[in-house]
């Protein structure tokens, strides 16, 4: 008889030894959260490459913006582990509404979608994709498996490099709460980055930055160029040529890069289609992600009350069943 029971698979852990990296306190680190437009921003930075890329070569036509000059290091998946030890006083974090980011991250590497838009995948991703997604072939199927409401507790007693599909509900729970390393952008979620990498926490209801007095700035994907322009104006010095960098950078380099990666609107095999009940379940499971997301927004130096309110508006459109008022505290403009 043909074996039909799904088998647990342990993803081999690559033993990469990346060299130490110095960082200075008067520079900024750019933290690229997955599926937030961070790749577009990285194309505008002279230091926009991770440690595995070797030398960071950028177009000679790229006019250095104030932010590009300020950013010393780029932090994405290979380098997130460096964040707690980094000496930067300031960090710029690319962000996006948690519902949209989660759905995009889940569907982007779906085997059917990856084939459709010819995504370059590693041999490991090609091999493990069908196993990892067999429990949730669609977004609706994934959401229907989320049975624990807003609880982050999952009965998934396996190491993060293990894919165990014998209990689809628990695999879905572990996936959305960042417990399965294969789903990279869900593993490195807002809770992970905020609480263990940037070291933001709460004390008696007040949001604080522990360990080091770090200054946080954010770039919202929903307002990417507006935030990019405002941040450059904020950090510009008297020596920066403000008449040069803004138009050239946004219109030429970034738009070309963004159009190459943009898959919004494509008729992909596995879509964002979801029922009201499915959305309700997915949003409940994302409650802790929203809490971490709004923490970032509230400590961000370049965000005011109107900016936070706009993010709250988007969140309410995506997840009308969540109470975002309890996640927010007044922020001075």
C-alpha atoms as a PDB file:
ATOM      1  CA  UNK A   1       0.000   0.000   0.000  1.00  0.00           C
ATOM      2  CA  UNK A   2       1.101   3.535  -0.666  1.00  0.00           C
ATOM      3  CA  UNK A   3       2.130   5.465   2.431  1.00  0.00           C
ATOM      4  CA  UNK A   4      -0.262   8.392   2.878  1.00  0.00           C
ATOM      5  CA  UNK A   5       0.616   9.540   6.392  1.00  0.00           C
ATOM      6  CA  UNK A   6       2.585  12.794   6.239  1.00  0.00           C
ATOM      7  CA  UNK A   7       6.092  12.484   7.557  1.00  0.00           C
ATOM      8  CA  UNK A   8       7.884  14.878   9.815  1.00  0.00           C
ATOM      9  CA  UNK A   9      10.810  16.561   8.171  1.00  0.00           C
ATOM     10  CA  UNK A  10      13.686  18.188   9.978  1.00  0.00           C
ATOM     11  CA  UNK A  11      15.183  20.994   7.965  1.00  0.00           C
ATOM     12  CA  UNK A  12      18.989  20.768   8.032  1.00  0.00           C
ATOM     13  CA  UNK A  13      20.426  23.757   9.855  1.00  0.00           C
ATOM     14  CA  UNK A  14      23.173  25.439   7.921  1.00  0.00           C
ATOM     15  CA  UNK A  15      26.191  26.074  10.105  1.00  0.00           C
ATOM     16  CA  UNK A  16      27.181  29.395   8.636  1.00  0.00           C
ATOM     17  CA  UNK A  17      29.764  31.320  10.576  1.00  0.00           C
ATOM     18  CA  UNK A  18      29.466  34.974   9.702  1.00  0.00           C
ATOM     19  CA  UNK A  19      32.266  37.242  10.866  1.00  0.00           C
ATOM     20  CA  UNK A  20      31.737  39.862  13.581  1.00  0.00           C
ATOM     21  CA  UNK A  21      30.767  43.259  12.288  1.00  0.00           C
ATOM     22  CA  UNK A  22      31.539  46.623  13.817  1.00  0.00           C
ATOM     23  CA  UNK A  23      28.899  49.308  14.034  1.00  0.00           C
ATOM     24  CA  UNK A  24      29.143  52.843  15.334  1.00  0.00           C
ATOM     25  CA  UNK A  25      26.719  54.731  17.556  1.00  0.00           C
ATOM     26  CA  UNK A  26      26.403  57.762  15.291  1.00  0.00           C
ATOM     27  CA  UNK A  27      25.072  55.696  12.374  1.00  0.00           C
ATOM     28  CA  UNK A  28      21.768  53.964  11.677  1.00  0.00           C
ATOM     29  CA  UNK A  29      20.895  50.360  10.931  1.00  0.00           C
ATOM     30  CA  UNK A  30      18.185  49.579   8.385  1.00  0.00           C
ATOM     31  CA  UNK A  31      15.958  46.698   9.541  1.00  0.00           C
ATOM     32  CA  UNK A  32      14.183  45.090   6.589  1.00  0.00           C
ATOM     33  CA  UNK A  33      11.083  43.244   7.773  1.00  0.00           C
ATOM     34  CA  UNK A  34      10.020  40.750   5.115  1.00  0.00           C
ATOM     35  CA  UNK A  35       7.247  41.777   2.675  1.00  0.00           C
ATOM     36  CA  UNK A  36       7.239  45.448   3.669  1.00  0.00           C
ATOM     37  CA  UNK A  37       8.919  47.120   0.694  1.00  0.00           C
ATOM     38  CA  UNK A  38      12.337  46.807   2.289  1.00  0.00           C
ATOM     39  CA  UNK A  39      13.957  45.505  -0.890  1.00  0.00           C
ATOM     40  CA  UNK A  40      12.922  48.673  -2.679  1.00  0.00           C
ATOM     41  CA  UNK A  41      14.472  50.818   0.053  1.00  0.00           C
ATOM     42  CA  UNK A  42      17.633  48.703   0.118  1.00  0.00           C
ATOM     43  CA  UNK A  43      18.154  49.551  -3.557  1.00  0.00           C
ATOM     44  CA  UNK A  44      18.470  53.195  -2.482  1.00  0.00           C
ATOM     45  CA  UNK A  45      21.164  52.530   0.111  1.00  0.00           C
ATOM     46  CA  UNK A  46      24.881  52.335  -0.524  1.00  0.00           C
ATOM     47  CA  UNK A  47      25.037  49.846   2.361  1.00  0.00           C
ATOM     48  CA  UNK A  48      21.913  47.901   1.445  1.00  0.00           C
ATOM     49  CA  UNK A  49      23.284  44.337   1.299  1.00  0.00           C
ATOM     50  CA  UNK A  50      23.362  41.508   3.817  1.00  0.00           C
ATOM     51  CA  UNK A  51      26.484  39.694   4.990  1.00  0.00           C
ATOM     52  CA  UNK A  52      26.062  36.856   2.499  1.00  0.00           C
ATOM     53  CA  UNK A  53      26.198  39.221  -0.459  1.00  0.00           C
ATOM     54  CA  UNK A  54      29.863  40.057  -0.080  1.00  0.00           C
ATOM     55  CA  UNK A  55      30.711  43.538  -1.280  1.00  0.00           C
ATOM     56  CA  UNK A  56      27.704  45.820  -1.664  1.00  0.00           C
ATOM     57  CA  UNK A  57      27.798  47.178  -5.189  1.00  0.00           C
ATOM     58  CA  UNK A  58      25.302  49.857  -6.099  1.00  0.00           C
ATOM     59  CA  UNK A  59      24.632  51.808  -9.266  1.00  0.00           C
ATOM     60  CA  UNK A  60      27.110  54.621  -9.850  1.00  0.00           C
ATOM     61  CA  UNK A  61      24.103  56.724 -10.904  1.00  0.00           C
ATOM     62  CA  UNK A  62      22.614  56.450  -7.430  1.00  0.00           C
ATOM     63  CA  UNK A  63      22.656  59.856  -5.759  1.00  0.00           C
ATOM     64  CA  UNK A  64      23.363  59.420  -2.067  1.00  0.00           C
ATOM     65  CA  UNK A  65      20.469  60.632   0.040  1.00  0.00           C
ATOM     66  CA  UNK A  66      20.891  61.729   3.667  1.00  0.00           C
ATOM     67  CA  UNK A  67      19.419  58.399   4.797  1.00  0.00           C
ATOM     68  CA  UNK A  68      21.774  56.415   2.560  1.00  0.00           C
ATOM     69  CA  UNK A  69      24.751  58.258   4.031  1.00  0.00           C
ATOM     70  CA  UNK A  70      23.452  57.624   7.535  1.00  0.00           C
ATOM     71  CA  UNK A  71      22.807  53.867   7.215  1.00  0.00           C
ATOM     72  CA  UNK A  72      25.925  51.873   8.032  1.00  0.00           C
ATOM     73  CA  UNK A  73      24.473  48.354   7.957  1.00  0.00           C
ATOM     74  CA  UNK A  74      21.490  46.511   6.485  1.00  0.00           C
ATOM     75  CA  UNK A  75      19.703  43.875   8.583  1.00  0.00           C
ATOM     76  CA  UNK A  76      17.551  41.218   6.951  1.00  0.00           C
ATOM     77  CA  UNK A  77      17.179  37.477   7.531  1.00  0.00           C
ATOM     78  CA  UNK A  78      20.902  36.515   7.581  1.00  0.00           C
ATOM     79  CA  UNK A  79      21.794  39.364   9.938  1.00  0.00           C
ATOM     80  CA  UNK A  80      18.845  39.714  12.328  1.00  0.00           C
ATOM     81  CA  UNK A  81      20.873  37.889  14.971  1.00  0.00           C
ATOM     82  CA  UNK A  82      23.300  40.825  15.031  1.00  0.00           C
ATOM     83  CA  UNK A  83      20.705  43.389  16.142  1.00  0.00           C
ATOM     84  CA  UNK A  84      20.933  43.003  19.956  1.00  0.00           C
ATOM     85  CA  UNK A  85      24.703  43.575  19.840  1.00  0.00           C
ATOM     86  CA  UNK A  86      24.656  46.397  17.285  1.00  0.00           C
ATOM     87  CA  UNK A  87      26.003  49.744  18.488  1.00  0.00           C
ATOM     88  CA  UNK A  88      23.783  51.938  16.319  1.00  0.00           C
ATOM     89  CA  UNK A  89      21.872  54.482  18.316  1.00  0.00           C
ATOM     90  CA  UNK A  90      19.237  54.657  15.574  1.00  0.00           C
ATOM     91  CA  UNK A  91      17.310  52.037  13.610  1.00  0.00           C
ATOM     92  CA  UNK A  92      15.052  52.471  10.592  1.00  0.00           C
ATOM     93  CA  UNK A  93      12.460  49.683  10.319  1.00  0.00           C
ATOM     94  CA  UNK A  94      10.368  48.927   7.226  1.00  0.00           C
ATOM     95  CA  UNK A  95       6.830  48.017   8.286  1.00  0.00           C
ATOM     96  CA  UNK A  96       3.441  47.102   6.865  1.00  0.00           C
ATOM     97  CA  UNK A  97       0.031  46.315   8.310  1.00  0.00           C
ATOM     98  CA  UNK A  98       0.360  42.864   9.975  1.00  0.00           C
ATOM     99  CA  UNK A  99      -2.598  41.326   8.147  1.00  0.00           C
ATOM    100  CA  UNK A 100      -1.310  42.354   4.725  1.00  0.00           C
ATOM    101  CA  UNK A 101       2.274  41.406   5.595  1.00  0.00           C
ATOM    102  CA  UNK A 102       1.263  37.981   6.901  1.00  0.00           C
ATOM    103  CA  UNK A 103      -0.919  37.118   3.908  1.00  0.00           C
ATOM    104  CA  UNK A 104       1.766  38.286   1.493  1.00  0.00           C
ATOM    105  CA  UNK A 105       4.452  36.284   3.300  1.00  0.00           C
ATOM    106  CA  UNK A 106       2.330  33.139   3.406  1.00  0.00           C
ATOM    107  CA  UNK A 107       1.349  33.245  -0.261  1.00  0.00           C
ATOM    108  CA  UNK A 108       4.640  34.479  -1.716  1.00  0.00           C
ATOM    109  CA  UNK A 109       6.490  31.181  -1.262  1.00  0.00           C
ATOM    110  CA  UNK A 110       3.477  28.941  -1.904  1.00  0.00           C
ATOM    111  CA  UNK A 111       4.760  26.343  -4.411  1.00  0.00           C
ATOM    112  CA  UNK A 112       2.033  27.122  -6.954  1.00  0.00           C
ATOM    113  CA  UNK A 113       2.642  30.865  -6.798  1.00  0.00           C
ATOM    114  CA  UNK A 114       6.410  30.479  -6.833  1.00  0.00           C
ATOM    115  CA  UNK A 115       6.166  28.589 -10.118  1.00  0.00           C
ATOM    116  CA  UNK A 116       3.741  31.118 -11.553  1.00  0.00           C
ATOM    117  CA  UNK A 117       5.976  34.156 -11.163  1.00  0.00           C
ATOM    118  CA  UNK A 118       9.187  32.161 -11.559  1.00  0.00           C
ATOM    119  CA  UNK A 119      10.520  32.919  -8.116  1.00  0.00           C
ATOM    120  CA  UNK A 120      14.116  31.883  -7.654  1.00  0.00           C
ATOM    121  CA  UNK A 121      14.121  29.218  -4.953  1.00  0.00           C
ATOM    122  CA  UNK A 122      16.819  27.240  -3.261  1.00  0.00           C
ATOM    123  CA  UNK A 123      16.874  23.469  -3.656  1.00  0.00           C
ATOM    124  CA  UNK A 124      15.725  23.270  -0.045  1.00  0.00           C
ATOM    125  CA  UNK A 125      12.709  25.494  -0.706  1.00  0.00           C
ATOM    126  CA  UNK A 126      11.746  23.514  -3.799  1.00  0.00           C
ATOM    127  CA  UNK A 127      11.963  20.253  -1.866  1.00  0.00           C
ATOM    128  CA  UNK A 128      10.182  21.329   1.301  1.00  0.00           C
ATOM    129  CA  UNK A 129       7.565  23.680  -0.153  1.00  0.00           C
ATOM    130  CA  UNK A 130       5.010  20.965  -1.014  1.00  0.00           C
ATOM    131  CA  UNK A 131       5.432  19.411   2.450  1.00  0.00           C
ATOM    132  CA  UNK A 132       5.159  22.718   4.278  1.00  0.00           C
ATOM    133  CA  UNK A 133       2.026  23.797   2.394  1.00  0.00           C
ATOM    134  CA  UNK A 134       0.183  20.488   2.115  1.00  0.00           C
ATOM    135  CA  UNK A 135      -1.983  21.344   5.128  1.00  0.00           C
ATOM    136  CA  UNK A 136      -3.013  24.743   3.786  1.00  0.00           C
ATOM    137  CA  UNK A 137      -3.224  24.806  -0.015  1.00  0.00           C
ATOM    138  CA  UNK A 138      -5.231  28.056   0.145  1.00  0.00           C
ATOM    139  CA  UNK A 139      -5.434  31.054   2.459  1.00  0.00           C
ATOM    140  CA  UNK A 140      -8.943  29.998   3.472  1.00  0.00           C
ATOM    141  CA  UNK A 141      -7.678  26.523   4.395  1.00  0.00           C
ATOM    142  CA  UNK A 142      -4.915  28.049   6.509  1.00  0.00           C
ATOM    143  CA  UNK A 143      -7.308  30.366   8.346  1.00  0.00           C
ATOM    144  CA  UNK A 144      -9.805  27.566   9.005  1.00  0.00           C
ATOM    145  CA  UNK A 145      -7.093  25.675  10.902  1.00  0.00           C
ATOM    146  CA  UNK A 146      -6.501  28.496  13.395  1.00  0.00           C
ATOM    147  CA  UNK A 147      -8.522  27.195  16.329  1.00  0.00           C
ATOM    148  CA  UNK A 148      -6.864  28.907  19.316  1.00  0.00           C
ATOM    149  CA  UNK A 149      -8.225  32.428  18.995  1.00  0.00           C
ATOM    150  CA  UNK A 150      -5.691  35.027  20.127  1.00  0.00           C
ATOM    151  CA  UNK A 151      -3.600  32.554  22.126  1.00  0.00           C
ATOM    152  CA  UNK A 152       0.015  32.077  21.039  1.00  0.00           C
ATOM    153  CA  UNK A 153       0.212  28.666  22.713  1.00  0.00           C
ATOM    154  CA  UNK A 154       0.540  25.824  20.213  1.00  0.00           C
ATOM    155  CA  UNK A 155       0.861  22.102  20.822  1.00  0.00           C
ATOM    156  CA  UNK A 156       3.883  21.922  18.561  1.00  0.00           C
ATOM    157  CA  UNK A 157       6.735  20.503  20.680  1.00  0.00           C
ATOM    158  CA  UNK A 158       9.285  20.488  17.894  1.00  0.00           C
ATOM    159  CA  UNK A 159      12.355  22.522  17.170  1.00  0.00           C
ATOM    160  CA  UNK A 160      11.885  25.467  14.843  1.00  0.00           C
ATOM    161  CA  UNK A 161      13.617  23.652  11.981  1.00  0.00           C
ATOM    162  CA  UNK A 162      11.078  20.793  12.049  1.00  0.00           C
ATOM    163  CA  UNK A 163       8.058  20.634   9.727  1.00  0.00           C
ATOM    164  CA  UNK A 164       5.466  18.261  11.237  1.00  0.00           C
ATOM    165  CA  UNK A 165       2.255  18.079   9.141  1.00  0.00           C
ATOM    166  CA  UNK A 166       0.512  15.253  11.020  1.00  0.00           C
ATOM    167  CA  UNK A 167      -1.636  17.789  12.920  1.00  0.00           C
ATOM    168  CA  UNK A 168      -2.472  20.556  10.469  1.00  0.00           C
ATOM    169  CA  UNK A 169      -4.127  22.781  13.064  1.00  0.00           C
ATOM    170  CA  UNK A 170      -1.053  22.827  15.276  1.00  0.00           C
ATOM    171  CA  UNK A 171       1.247  23.364  12.291  1.00  0.00           C
ATOM    172  CA  UNK A 172      -0.852  26.370  11.262  1.00  0.00           C
ATOM    173  CA  UNK A 173      -0.737  27.688  14.826  1.00  0.00           C
ATOM    174  CA  UNK A 174       3.040  27.287  14.969  1.00  0.00           C
ATOM    175  CA  UNK A 175       3.438  28.877  11.547  1.00  0.00           C
ATOM    176  CA  UNK A 176       1.514  32.070  12.260  1.00  0.00           C
ATOM    177  CA  UNK A 177       3.174  32.519  15.650  1.00  0.00           C
ATOM    178  CA  UNK A 178       6.705  32.292  14.321  1.00  0.00           C
ATOM    179  CA  UNK A 179       7.655  28.824  15.492  1.00  0.00           C
ATOM    180  CA  UNK A 180       8.530  27.232  12.118  1.00  0.00           C
ATOM    181  CA  UNK A 181      11.737  28.479  10.542  1.00  0.00           C
ATOM    182  CA  UNK A 182      10.822  27.421   6.990  1.00  0.00           C
ATOM    183  CA  UNK A 183       8.260  30.237   6.844  1.00  0.00           C
ATOM    184  CA  UNK A 184      11.027  32.805   7.122  1.00  0.00           C
ATOM    185  CA  UNK A 185       9.054  36.046   7.098  1.00  0.00           C
ATOM    186  CA  UNK A 186       6.525  34.677   9.590  1.00  0.00           C
ATOM    187  CA  UNK A 187       9.308  33.344  11.806  1.00  0.00           C
ATOM    188  CA  UNK A 188      10.913  36.792  11.896  1.00  0.00           C
ATOM    189  CA  UNK A 189       7.675  38.555  12.772  1.00  0.00           C
ATOM    190  CA  UNK A 190       7.114  41.824  14.636  1.00  0.00           C
ATOM    191  CA  UNK A 191       7.107  40.120  18.029  1.00  0.00           C
ATOM    192  CA  UNK A 192      10.443  38.489  17.281  1.00  0.00           C
ATOM    193  CA  UNK A 193      12.127  41.667  16.072  1.00  0.00           C
ATOM    194  CA  UNK A 194      10.555  44.045  18.606  1.00  0.00           C
ATOM    195  CA  UNK A 195      10.931  41.939  21.732  1.00  0.00           C
ATOM    196  CA  UNK A 196      14.149  40.012  21.135  1.00  0.00           C
ATOM    197  CA  UNK A 197      16.118  42.041  18.574  1.00  0.00           C
ATOM    198  CA  UNK A 198      15.261  45.725  19.122  1.00  0.00           C
ATOM    199  CA  UNK A 199      14.476  45.111  22.795  1.00  0.00           C
ATOM    200  CA  UNK A 200      11.281  47.115  23.122  1.00  0.00           C
ATOM    201  CA  UNK A 201       9.113  46.233  26.110  1.00  0.00           C
ATOM    202  CA  UNK A 202       6.459  47.677  28.384  1.00  0.00           C
ATOM    203  CA  UNK A 203       6.720  48.838  31.992  1.00  0.00           C
ATOM    204  CA  UNK A 204       3.515  49.754  33.840  1.00  0.00           C
ATOM    205  CA  UNK A 205       1.781  50.422  30.544  1.00  0.00           C
ATOM    206  CA  UNK A 206       4.538  52.663  29.203  1.00  0.00           C
ATOM    207  CA  UNK A 207       6.489  51.601  26.141  1.00  0.00           C
ATOM    208  CA  UNK A 208      10.208  51.644  26.883  1.00  0.00           C
ATOM    209  CA  UNK A 209      13.412  50.745  25.096  1.00  0.00           C
ATOM    210  CA  UNK A 210      15.570  48.481  27.229  1.00  0.00           C
ATOM    211  CA  UNK A 211      19.302  47.819  27.272  1.00  0.00           C
ATOM    212  CA  UNK A 212      20.250  50.746  25.026  1.00  0.00           C
ATOM    213  CA  UNK A 213      18.604  54.069  24.351  1.00  0.00           C
ATOM    214  CA  UNK A 214      17.749  53.310  20.764  1.00  0.00           C
ATOM    215  CA  UNK A 215      15.971  55.726  18.499  1.00  0.00           C
ATOM    216  CA  UNK A 216      13.419  54.104  16.206  1.00  0.00           C
ATOM    217  CA  UNK A 217      12.217  55.371  12.820  1.00  0.00           C
ATOM    218  CA  UNK A 218       9.806  53.525  10.531  1.00  0.00           C
ATOM    219  CA  UNK A 219       9.020  53.442   6.821  1.00  0.00           C
ATOM    220  CA  UNK A 220       5.447  52.320   6.150  1.00  0.00           C
ATOM    221  CA  UNK A 221       4.919  50.430   2.906  1.00  0.00           C
ATOM    222  CA  UNK A 222       1.507  52.080   2.599  1.00  0.00           C
ATOM    223  CA  UNK A 223       3.232  55.505   2.531  1.00  0.00           C
ATOM    224  CA  UNK A 224       6.678  54.465   1.378  1.00  0.00           C
ATOM    225  CA  UNK A 225       7.765  57.501  -0.617  1.00  0.00           C
ATOM    226  CA  UNK A 226       6.101  59.986   1.702  1.00  0.00           C
ATOM    227  CA  UNK A 227       7.912  58.478   4.695  1.00  0.00           C
ATOM    228  CA  UNK A 228      11.166  58.162   2.727  1.00  0.00           C
ATOM    229  CA  UNK A 229      11.057  61.833   1.767  1.00  0.00           C
ATOM    230  CA  UNK A 230      10.110  62.982   5.261  1.00  0.00           C
ATOM    231  CA  UNK A 231      12.853  60.910   6.883  1.00  0.00           C
ATOM    232  CA  UNK A 232      15.471  62.301   4.517  1.00  0.00           C
ATOM    233  CA  UNK A 233      14.345  65.815   5.333  1.00  0.00           C
ATOM    234  CA  UNK A 234      14.485  64.995   9.031  1.00  0.00           C
ATOM    235  CA  UNK A 235      18.063  63.698   9.047  1.00  0.00           C
ATOM    236  CA  UNK A 236      19.506  65.973   6.345  1.00  0.00           C
ATOM    237  CA  UNK A 237      22.395  68.240   7.262  1.00  0.00           C
ATOM    238  CA  UNK A 238      23.398  71.595   5.848  1.00  0.00           C
ATOM    239  CA  UNK A 239      25.854  69.830   3.530  1.00  0.00           C
ATOM    240  CA  UNK A 240      23.198  67.704   1.803  1.00  0.00           C
ATOM    241  CA  UNK A 241      22.011  68.776  -1.645  1.00  0.00           C
ATOM    242  CA  UNK A 242      18.251  68.621  -1.139  1.00  0.00           C
ATOM    243  CA  UNK A 243      17.509  69.639  -4.719  1.00  0.00           C
ATOM    244  CA  UNK A 244      19.220  66.572  -6.137  1.00  0.00           C
ATOM    245  CA  UNK A 245      18.626  63.320  -4.272  1.00  0.00           C
ATOM    246  CA  UNK A 246      14.818  63.283  -3.908  1.00  0.00           C
ATOM    247  CA  UNK A 247      13.617  63.226  -7.539  1.00  0.00           C
ATOM    248  CA  UNK A 248      16.497  61.205  -8.970  1.00  0.00           C
ATOM    249  CA  UNK A 249      16.401  58.528  -6.307  1.00  0.00           C
ATOM    250  CA  UNK A 250      12.685  57.873  -6.188  1.00  0.00           C
ATOM    251  CA  UNK A 251      11.840  58.141  -9.867  1.00  0.00           C
ATOM    252  CA  UNK A 252      14.749  56.278 -11.421  1.00  0.00           C
ATOM    253  CA  UNK A 253      16.410  53.623  -9.281  1.00  0.00           C
ATOM    254  CA  UNK A 254      13.643  52.652  -6.886  1.00  0.00           C
ATOM    255  CA  UNK A 255      10.712  52.580  -9.275  1.00  0.00           C
ATOM    256  CA  UNK A 256      12.644  50.368 -11.670  1.00  0.00           C
ATOM    257  CA  UNK A 257      13.493  47.972  -8.853  1.00  0.00           C
ATOM    258  CA  UNK A 258       9.992  48.004  -7.415  1.00  0.00           C
ATOM    259  CA  UNK A 259       8.329  47.256 -10.740  1.00  0.00           C
ATOM    260  CA  UNK A 260      10.544  44.206 -11.156  1.00  0.00           C
ATOM    261  CA  UNK A 261       9.409  42.731  -7.839  1.00  0.00           C
ATOM    262  CA  UNK A 262       5.792  43.865  -7.731  1.00  0.00           C
ATOM    263  CA  UNK A 263       3.310  40.985  -8.113  1.00  0.00           C
ATOM    264  CA  UNK A 264       0.257  42.862  -6.846  1.00  0.00           C
ATOM    265  CA  UNK A 265      -2.696  42.273  -9.131  1.00  0.00           C
ATOM    266  CA  UNK A 266      -1.230  39.245 -10.875  1.00  0.00           C
ATOM    267  CA  UNK A 267      -3.667  36.415 -11.413  1.00  0.00           C
ATOM    268  CA  UNK A 268      -1.690  33.978  -9.268  1.00  0.00           C
ATOM    269  CA  UNK A 269      -3.014  30.442  -8.661  1.00  0.00           C
ATOM    270  CA  UNK A 270      -3.354  30.859  -4.876  1.00  0.00           C
ATOM    271  CA  UNK A 271      -5.023  34.187  -4.146  1.00  0.00           C
ATOM    272  CA  UNK A 272      -5.845  36.312  -1.096  1.00  0.00           C
ATOM    273  CA  UNK A 273      -9.481  35.190  -1.268  1.00  0.00           C
ATOM    274  CA  UNK A 274     -10.860  34.511   2.201  1.00  0.00           C
ATOM    275  CA  UNK A 275     -14.290  34.299   3.821  1.00  0.00           C
ATOM    276  CA  UNK A 276     -15.465  36.599   6.594  1.00  0.00           C
ATOM    277  CA  UNK A 277     -15.162  33.741   9.083  1.00  0.00           C
ATOM    278  CA  UNK A 278     -11.661  32.920   7.854  1.00  0.00           C
ATOM    279  CA  UNK A 279     -10.580  36.550   8.142  1.00  0.00           C
ATOM    280  CA  UNK A 280     -12.001  36.670  11.668  1.00  0.00           C
ATOM    281  CA  UNK A 281      -9.877  33.683  12.714  1.00  0.00           C
ATOM    282  CA  UNK A 282      -6.757  34.973  11.025  1.00  0.00           C
ATOM    283  CA  UNK A 283      -7.117  38.380  12.649  1.00  0.00           C
ATOM    284  CA  UNK A 284      -7.580  36.901  16.118  1.00  0.00           C
ATOM    285  CA  UNK A 285      -4.377  34.930  15.670  1.00  0.00           C
ATOM    286  CA  UNK A 286      -2.605  38.161  14.666  1.00  0.00           C
ATOM    287  CA  UNK A 287      -3.590  40.136  17.758  1.00  0.00           C
ATOM    288  CA  UNK A 288      -0.137  39.908  19.367  1.00  0.00           C
ATOM    289  CA  UNK A 289       1.447  40.885  16.057  1.00  0.00           C
ATOM    290  CA  UNK A 290      -0.670  44.016  15.964  1.00  0.00           C
ATOM    291  CA  UNK A 291       0.372  44.871  19.521  1.00  0.00           C
ATOM    292  CA  UNK A 292       4.062  44.677  18.566  1.00  0.00           C
ATOM    293  CA  UNK A 293       3.393  46.609  15.350  1.00  0.00           C
ATOM    294  CA  UNK A 294       1.741  49.489  17.186  1.00  0.00           C
ATOM    295  CA  UNK A 295       4.579  49.530  19.710  1.00  0.00           C
ATOM    296  CA  UNK A 296       6.936  50.293  16.855  1.00  0.00           C
ATOM    297  CA  UNK A 297       4.664  53.009  15.531  1.00  0.00           C
ATOM    298  CA  UNK A 298       4.327  54.652  18.924  1.00  0.00           C
ATOM    299  CA  UNK A 299       8.050  54.850  19.655  1.00  0.00           C
ATOM    300  CA  UNK A 300       8.944  55.917  16.108  1.00  0.00           C
ATOM    301  CA  UNK A 301      10.380  59.428  16.122  1.00  0.00           C
ATOM    302  CA  UNK A 302       9.085  60.216  12.628  1.00  0.00           C
ATOM    303  CA  UNK A 303       5.461  59.227  13.337  1.00  0.00           C
ATOM    304  CA  UNK A 304       2.809  61.556  14.763  1.00  0.00           C
ATOM    305  CA  UNK A 305      -0.746  60.970  15.939  1.00  0.00           C
ATOM    306  CA  UNK A 306      -2.156  61.318  12.423  1.00  0.00           C
ATOM    307  CA  UNK A 307       0.281  58.737  11.065  1.00  0.00           C
ATOM    308  CA  UNK A 308      -0.624  56.258  13.786  1.00  0.00           C
ATOM    309  CA  UNK A 309      -4.326  56.945  13.234  1.00  0.00           C
ATOM    310  CA  UNK A 310      -3.970  56.154   9.536  1.00  0.00           C
ATOM    311  CA  UNK A 311      -2.323  52.824  10.372  1.00  0.00           C
ATOM    312  CA  UNK A 312      -5.158  52.143  12.778  1.00  0.00           C
ATOM    313  CA  UNK A 313      -7.647  52.885   9.994  1.00  0.00           C
ATOM    314  CA  UNK A 314      -5.996  50.314   7.711  1.00  0.00           C
ATOM    315  CA  UNK A 315      -5.879  47.794  10.549  1.00  0.00           C
ATOM    316  CA  UNK A 316      -9.598  48.225  11.203  1.00  0.00           C
ATOM    317  CA  UNK A 317     -10.371  47.705   7.532  1.00  0.00           C
ATOM    318  CA  UNK A 318      -8.369  44.481   7.512  1.00  0.00           C
ATOM    319  CA  UNK A 319      -9.432  43.203  10.931  1.00  0.00           C
ATOM    320  CA  UNK A 320     -12.715  44.826  12.025  1.00  0.00           C
ATOM    321  CA  UNK A 321     -13.164  42.251  14.787  1.00  0.00           C
ATOM    322  CA  UNK A 322     -10.109  43.419  16.774  1.00  0.00           C
ATOM    323  CA  UNK A 323     -10.160  46.182  19.395  1.00  0.00           C
ATOM    324  CA  UNK A 324      -7.269  48.417  18.398  1.00  0.00           C
ATOM    325  CA  UNK A 325      -8.116  51.130  20.918  1.00  0.00           C
ATOM    326  CA  UNK A 326      -6.620  49.061  23.738  1.00  0.00           C
ATOM    327  CA  UNK A 327      -3.384  48.677  21.765  1.00  0.00           C
ATOM    328  CA  UNK A 328      -2.867  52.416  21.372  1.00  0.00           C
ATOM    329  CA  UNK A 329      -1.819  55.116  23.759  1.00  0.00           C
ATOM    330  CA  UNK A 330      -1.655  58.825  23.065  1.00  0.00           C
ATOM    331  CA  UNK A 331       1.501  59.898  21.290  1.00  0.00           C
ATOM    332  CA  UNK A 332       2.600  63.510  21.259  1.00  0.00           C
ATOM    333  CA  UNK A 333       2.695  65.067  17.809  1.00  0.00           C
END
